[in-house]
Protein backbone atom coordinates (compact mmCIF):
# COMPACT_ATOMS: atom_id res chain seq x y z
CA UNK A 1 89.60 88.01 140.86
CA UNK A 2 92.43 86.54 143.19
CA UNK A 3 94.95 89.21 144.38
CA UNK A 4 97.75 87.04 143.16
CA UNK A 5 100.85 89.44 144.67
CA UNK A 6 99.93 87.70 147.58
CA UNK A 7 101.93 84.98 146.62
CA UNK A 8 105.17 87.18 146.34
CA UNK A 9 107.46 87.89 143.63
CA UNK A 10 111.05 86.60 142.67
CA UNK A 11 114.19 87.75 140.45
CA UNK A 12 113.86 86.43 137.24
CA UNK A 13 116.40 87.98 135.07
CA UNK A 14 116.82 91.61 135.90
CA UNK A 15 112.90 91.69 137.05
CA UNK A 16 111.34 90.87 140.39
CA UNK A 17 108.37 89.02 138.76
CA UNK A 18 104.97 88.01 140.31
CA UNK A 19 105.29 83.88 141.38
CA UNK A 20 102.30 82.83 139.55
CA UNK A 21 102.55 83.31 135.75
CA UNK A 22 100.80 81.73 132.90
CA UNK A 23 101.96 78.96 130.52
CA UNK A 24 101.01 80.23 126.70
CA UNK A 25 101.09 76.18 125.34
CA UNK A 26 97.66 75.56 124.93
CA UNK A 27 96.34 78.75 123.25
CA UNK A 28 97.93 76.76 119.98
CA UNK A 29 94.90 74.02 118.87
CA UNK A 30 95.04 70.21 119.85
CA UNK A 31 98.34 68.60 120.55
CA UNK A 32 99.72 72.44 120.15
CA UNK A 33 99.43 72.35 116.41
CA UNK A 34 97.66 74.54 114.57
CA UNK A 35 95.15 77.53 115.88
CA UNK A 36 92.96 77.56 118.57
CA UNK A 37 89.48 76.55 118.32
CA UNK A 38 88.69 79.99 119.13
CA UNK A 39 91.26 82.59 118.97
CA UNK A 40 89.17 85.56 120.14
CA UNK A 41 88.94 83.53 123.85
CA UNK A 42 92.58 83.09 123.15
CA UNK A 43 92.86 87.05 123.21
CA UNK A 44 90.83 87.15 125.94
CA UNK A 45 92.41 85.00 128.44
CA UNK A 46 95.75 86.85 127.84
CA UNK A 47 94.18 89.97 128.29
CA UNK A 48 92.49 88.87 131.86
CA UNK A 49 95.96 87.21 133.02
CA UNK A 50 97.64 90.25 132.68
CA UNK A 51 94.93 92.46 133.91
CA UNK A 52 95.08 90.43 137.01
CA UNK A 53 98.62 91.07 137.85
CA UNK A 54 100.68 88.59 135.90
CA UNK A 55 103.66 89.67 134.35
CA UNK A 56 105.37 86.38 133.38
CA UNK A 57 104.24 84.92 130.55
CA UNK A 58 105.99 81.41 129.06
CA UNK A 59 105.67 80.85 125.46
CA UNK A 60 107.80 79.53 121.97
CA UNK A 61 107.87 79.40 118.81
CA UNK A 62 107.29 75.90 118.16
CA UNK A 63 104.03 76.17 119.65
CA UNK A 64 101.88 75.96 116.96
CA UNK A 65 103.94 76.45 115.50
CA UNK A 66 103.87 80.69 115.24
CA UNK A 67 100.46 80.53 116.54
CA UNK A 68 101.02 81.50 120.49
CA UNK A 69 103.57 84.53 119.78
CA UNK A 70 101.07 85.54 117.10
CA UNK A 71 98.15 85.69 119.38
CA UNK A 72 100.59 87.20 122.43
CA UNK A 73 101.02 90.11 120.19
CA UNK A 74 97.56 90.68 118.75
CA UNK A 75 96.61 90.33 122.50
CA UNK A 76 99.14 92.29 124.47
CA UNK A 77 101.06 94.46 121.90
CA UNK A 78 102.88 97.05 122.85
CA UNK A 79 103.64 94.92 126.15
CA UNK A 80 102.73 96.04 129.66
CA UNK A 81 106.55 97.41 130.82
CA UNK A 82 106.87 94.92 133.59
CA UNK A 83 105.84 92.29 131.63
CA UNK A 84 108.54 89.60 131.06
CA UNK A 85 108.18 86.91 128.09
CA UNK A 86 109.96 83.89 128.55
CA UNK A 87 110.18 81.71 125.20
CA UNK A 88 112.51 78.64 124.15
CA UNK A 89 114.25 77.04 121.58
CA UNK A 90 115.60 73.97 120.57
CA UNK A 91 112.89 71.98 118.73
CA UNK A 92 110.97 72.30 115.63
CA UNK A 93 107.50 71.02 115.13
CA UNK A 94 107.28 68.36 111.82
CA UNK A 95 104.19 68.30 109.84
CA UNK A 96 102.85 65.37 111.20
CA UNK A 97 102.72 67.49 114.81
CA UNK A 98 106.20 65.86 115.79
CA UNK A 99 108.72 67.44 117.97
CA UNK A 100 111.90 66.84 116.59
CA UNK A 101 115.52 68.30 118.22
CA UNK A 102 116.68 71.52 116.28
CA UNK A 103 120.19 72.32 117.81
CA UNK A 104 121.96 72.96 115.16
CA UNK A 105 123.77 76.95 115.07
CA UNK A 106 121.60 78.15 112.49
CA UNK A 107 118.62 76.58 113.48
CA UNK A 108 119.18 78.25 116.85
CA UNK A 109 119.98 81.59 115.41
CA UNK A 110 116.41 81.21 113.12
CA UNK A 111 114.81 80.52 116.25
CA UNK A 112 116.03 83.23 117.96
CA UNK A 113 114.82 85.41 114.89
CA UNK A 114 111.69 83.36 114.43
CA UNK A 115 110.57 84.22 118.20
CA UNK A 116 111.50 88.23 117.42
CA UNK A 117 109.75 88.44 114.18
CA UNK A 118 106.48 86.74 115.93
CA UNK A 119 106.19 88.59 119.34
CA UNK A 120 107.19 91.90 117.48
CA UNK A 121 110.43 92.59 119.83
CA UNK A 122 113.42 93.49 119.33
CA UNK A 123 115.13 91.87 122.02
CA UNK A 124 113.74 88.64 124.09
CA UNK A 125 113.75 89.10 127.53
CA UNK A 126 114.72 85.34 128.60
CA UNK A 127 115.31 82.87 126.49
CA UNK A 128 115.53 78.55 127.48
CA UNK A 129 117.37 76.31 125.14
CA UNK A 130 114.95 73.34 125.25
CA UNK A 131 117.21 70.21 125.51
CA UNK A 132 115.12 67.22 123.93
CA UNK A 133 117.26 65.06 125.71
CA UNK A 134 116.29 60.87 125.41
CA UNK A 135 113.78 58.59 123.50
CA UNK A 136 110.98 59.89 125.37
CA UNK A 137 112.14 64.09 125.52
CA UNK A 138 113.18 63.36 129.11
CA UNK A 139 116.03 64.91 130.61
CA UNK A 140 119.44 63.00 129.42
CA UNK A 141 123.03 63.16 130.13
CA UNK A 142 125.51 65.32 127.13
CA UNK A 143 127.02 68.29 127.19
CA UNK A 144 125.24 71.65 126.36
CA UNK A 145 128.13 73.28 125.39
CA UNK A 146 127.80 73.71 121.18
CA UNK A 147 124.11 75.13 121.58
CA UNK A 148 124.13 77.28 124.81
CA UNK A 149 127.37 78.85 123.37
CA UNK A 150 125.52 79.81 120.40
CA UNK A 151 122.63 81.05 122.23
CA UNK A 152 125.34 83.09 124.46
CA UNK A 153 126.75 85.12 121.43
CA UNK A 154 123.11 85.71 120.88
CA UNK A 155 122.96 87.51 124.27
CA UNK A 156 126.40 89.51 123.42
CA UNK A 157 124.67 90.83 120.18
CA UNK A 158 121.62 92.20 122.41
CA UNK A 159 118.92 90.27 120.61
CA UNK A 160 119.02 88.01 124.05
CA UNK A 161 119.09 89.60 127.37
CA UNK A 162 118.70 86.74 130.08
CA UNK A 163 119.46 82.80 129.52
CA UNK A 164 117.57 79.96 130.66
CA UNK A 165 117.00 75.68 130.57
CA UNK A 166 114.73 73.66 129.97
CA UNK A 167 114.79 70.17 130.70
CA UNK A 168 118.09 69.77 132.25
CA UNK A 169 120.16 67.78 134.33
CA UNK A 170 122.18 69.06 137.16
CA UNK A 171 125.23 68.27 136.07
CA UNK A 172 124.02 70.45 132.83
CA UNK A 173 122.98 73.59 134.36
CA UNK A 174 126.26 73.34 136.35
CA UNK A 175 128.45 73.27 132.80
CA UNK A 176 125.89 76.24 131.73
CA UNK A 177 126.28 77.93 134.55
CA UNK A 178 130.20 77.98 133.37
CA UNK A 179 129.00 79.47 130.03
CA UNK A 180 126.82 82.34 130.66
CA UNK A 181 124.71 83.11 133.95
CA UNK A 182 121.59 81.15 133.98
CA UNK A 183 118.49 83.15 134.52
CA UNK A 184 115.88 80.13 135.40
CA UNK A 185 115.30 76.33 135.16
CA UNK A 186 112.39 75.02 133.44
CA UNK A 187 112.30 70.82 134.76
CA UNK A 188 109.61 68.31 135.34
CA UNK A 189 108.48 68.73 139.09
CA UNK A 190 105.42 68.69 140.96
CA UNK A 191 104.62 67.00 144.37
CA UNK A 192 104.89 63.13 143.09
CA UNK A 193 107.94 63.70 140.89
CA UNK A 194 110.60 65.36 143.05
CA UNK A 195 113.49 64.37 141.22
CA UNK A 196 114.88 67.95 141.55
CA UNK A 197 114.38 68.55 144.99
CA UNK A 198 118.33 69.15 145.57
CA UNK A 199 118.56 70.98 142.51
CA UNK A 200 115.67 73.47 143.43
CA UNK A 201 117.37 74.28 146.86
CA UNK A 202 120.63 74.95 144.99
CA UNK A 203 119.46 77.73 142.63
CA UNK A 204 117.25 78.72 145.90
CA UNK A 205 120.72 79.69 147.49
CA UNK A 206 122.10 81.32 144.20
CA UNK A 207 118.66 82.99 143.69
CA UNK A 208 118.02 81.69 140.65
CA UNK A 209 114.83 80.93 139.34
CA UNK A 210 112.96 77.59 138.94
CA UNK A 211 110.01 76.93 136.95
CA UNK A 212 108.26 73.70 136.87
CA UNK A 213 106.14 72.04 134.06
CA UNK A 214 103.27 69.78 134.31
CA UNK A 215 102.29 70.70 138.30
CA UNK A 216 99.68 67.74 137.77
CA UNK A 217 101.55 65.17 135.23
CA UNK A 218 101.95 61.60 135.83
CA UNK A 219 99.95 60.79 139.07
CA UNK A 220 99.10 57.63 140.02
CA UNK A 221 95.35 57.27 141.57
CA UNK A 222 97.04 56.25 145.24
CA UNK A 223 98.45 59.93 144.58
CA UNK A 224 95.69 61.24 143.49
CA UNK A 225 93.77 59.94 146.32
CA UNK A 226 95.99 61.94 148.76
CA UNK A 227 95.82 65.14 146.74
CA UNK A 228 91.84 65.00 147.03
CA UNK A 229 91.58 64.28 150.60
CA UNK A 230 93.97 67.69 151.38
CA UNK A 231 91.91 69.63 148.33
CA UNK A 232 88.29 68.53 149.93
CA UNK A 233 89.25 69.71 153.08
CA UNK A 234 90.40 72.88 151.92
CA UNK A 235 87.61 73.35 149.60
CA UNK A 236 90.27 73.80 147.11
CA UNK A 237 90.49 71.97 143.37
CA UNK A 238 93.76 69.43 143.52
CA UNK A 239 95.08 71.26 140.48
CA UNK A 240 95.10 74.48 143.21
CA UNK A 241 96.59 72.57 145.98
CA UNK A 242 99.28 71.60 143.85
CA UNK A 243 100.17 74.85 143.09
CA UNK A 244 99.70 76.31 146.28
CA UNK A 245 102.51 73.46 147.22
CA UNK A 246 104.77 74.54 145.09
CA UNK A 247 104.40 77.76 145.88
CA UNK A 248 105.57 77.15 149.72
CA UNK A 249 108.19 74.60 148.58
CA UNK A 250 110.90 76.85 147.63
CA UNK A 251 110.89 80.39 147.68
CA UNK A 252 112.67 80.66 143.82
CA UNK A 253 109.53 78.23 142.03
CA UNK A 254 107.78 80.24 139.85
CA UNK A 255 104.32 79.22 138.33
CA UNK A 256 103.02 78.94 134.80
CA UNK A 257 99.80 77.14 134.98
CA UNK A 258 98.56 77.80 131.60
CA UNK A 259 94.78 77.28 130.03
CA UNK A 260 92.62 78.61 127.04
CA UNK A 261 89.47 78.78 129.49
CA UNK A 262 88.69 82.11 131.76
CA UNK A 263 87.48 80.24 134.33
CA UNK A 264 90.22 78.17 135.17
CA UNK A 265 92.71 80.97 134.63
CA UNK A 266 90.73 82.11 137.98
CA UNK A 267 90.87 78.55 139.34
CA UNK A 268 94.68 78.82 138.71
CA UNK A 269 95.41 82.19 139.90
CA UNK A 270 93.15 81.15 143.07
CA UNK A 271 95.79 79.18 144.11
CA UNK A 272 97.43 81.97 146.14
CA UNK A 273 94.40 82.28 148.39
CA UNK A 274 95.12 78.48 149.45
CA UNK A 275 96.65 78.36 152.92
CA UNK A 276 98.23 75.19 153.67
CA UNK A 277 98.64 73.97 156.94
CA UNK A 278 102.24 72.10 158.39
CA UNK A 279 100.05 69.00 158.51
CA UNK A 280 99.18 69.81 154.89
CA UNK A 281 102.14 69.84 153.51
CA UNK A 282 103.17 66.56 155.70
CA UNK A 283 100.75 64.86 153.69
CA UNK A 284 101.56 66.31 150.65
CA UNK A 285 105.10 65.86 151.22
CA UNK A 286 104.39 61.78 151.69
CA UNK A 287 102.97 61.89 147.80
CA UNK A 288 106.93 61.92 146.49
CA UNK A 289 108.20 60.10 149.21
């Protein structure tokens, strides 16, 4: 399997993690709800990822709910010493599989304890406060002081080591940094959706990790054609090229591609082998222009 160390490392909290990690969301059932079709396969994918050098796994107790964390515990507990598990709180799942805000103080405290119990941990490495945003769950402005202060209290109690923000605007990131140290920001960003360009550069200057989700989300056909052309020239998949572009875009970008398939896991990790030339970067940069 690919040597992912070629992609380098970046600090996440108090650890340096490999820049290619793994997102556990797809280990749950359809719609990130209920159990997977093949639990043994999910366990195998997690073990293969760690065996390949992955030491940054992104999860949440509202995936399933509870499902992915329980699979993580089954597959990897007791966890490797260098493994950083990042979870997120701020939402609950309805019985209809809906995603609903859960920002009340007691809901946030309960979410941290649920994550601790299902992961089998005494303290969580990193907890992202997942902001549910507007009607489409995209980022929306508004103070985050109240929920983030609850998370900061849990950090002071020793239940949370580091705090991150997810689905946050630059204004909210600045507000959050005034309340507690922010170890990472996890937002929608890819070669076609470049709204966080300035935020990424600002965080890089501060030594703060940025974790993009949906690396191929929301592409228009013409954008996909441009990506496909670069992929064809490099004998790579479009996903590998999109991930390679993120790795080269900024040194603080950490990847968390997710899959429930061993073959897709190998493809994702092989993004470390994709060498984009300057001409490739220029062509890809025009996608988001």
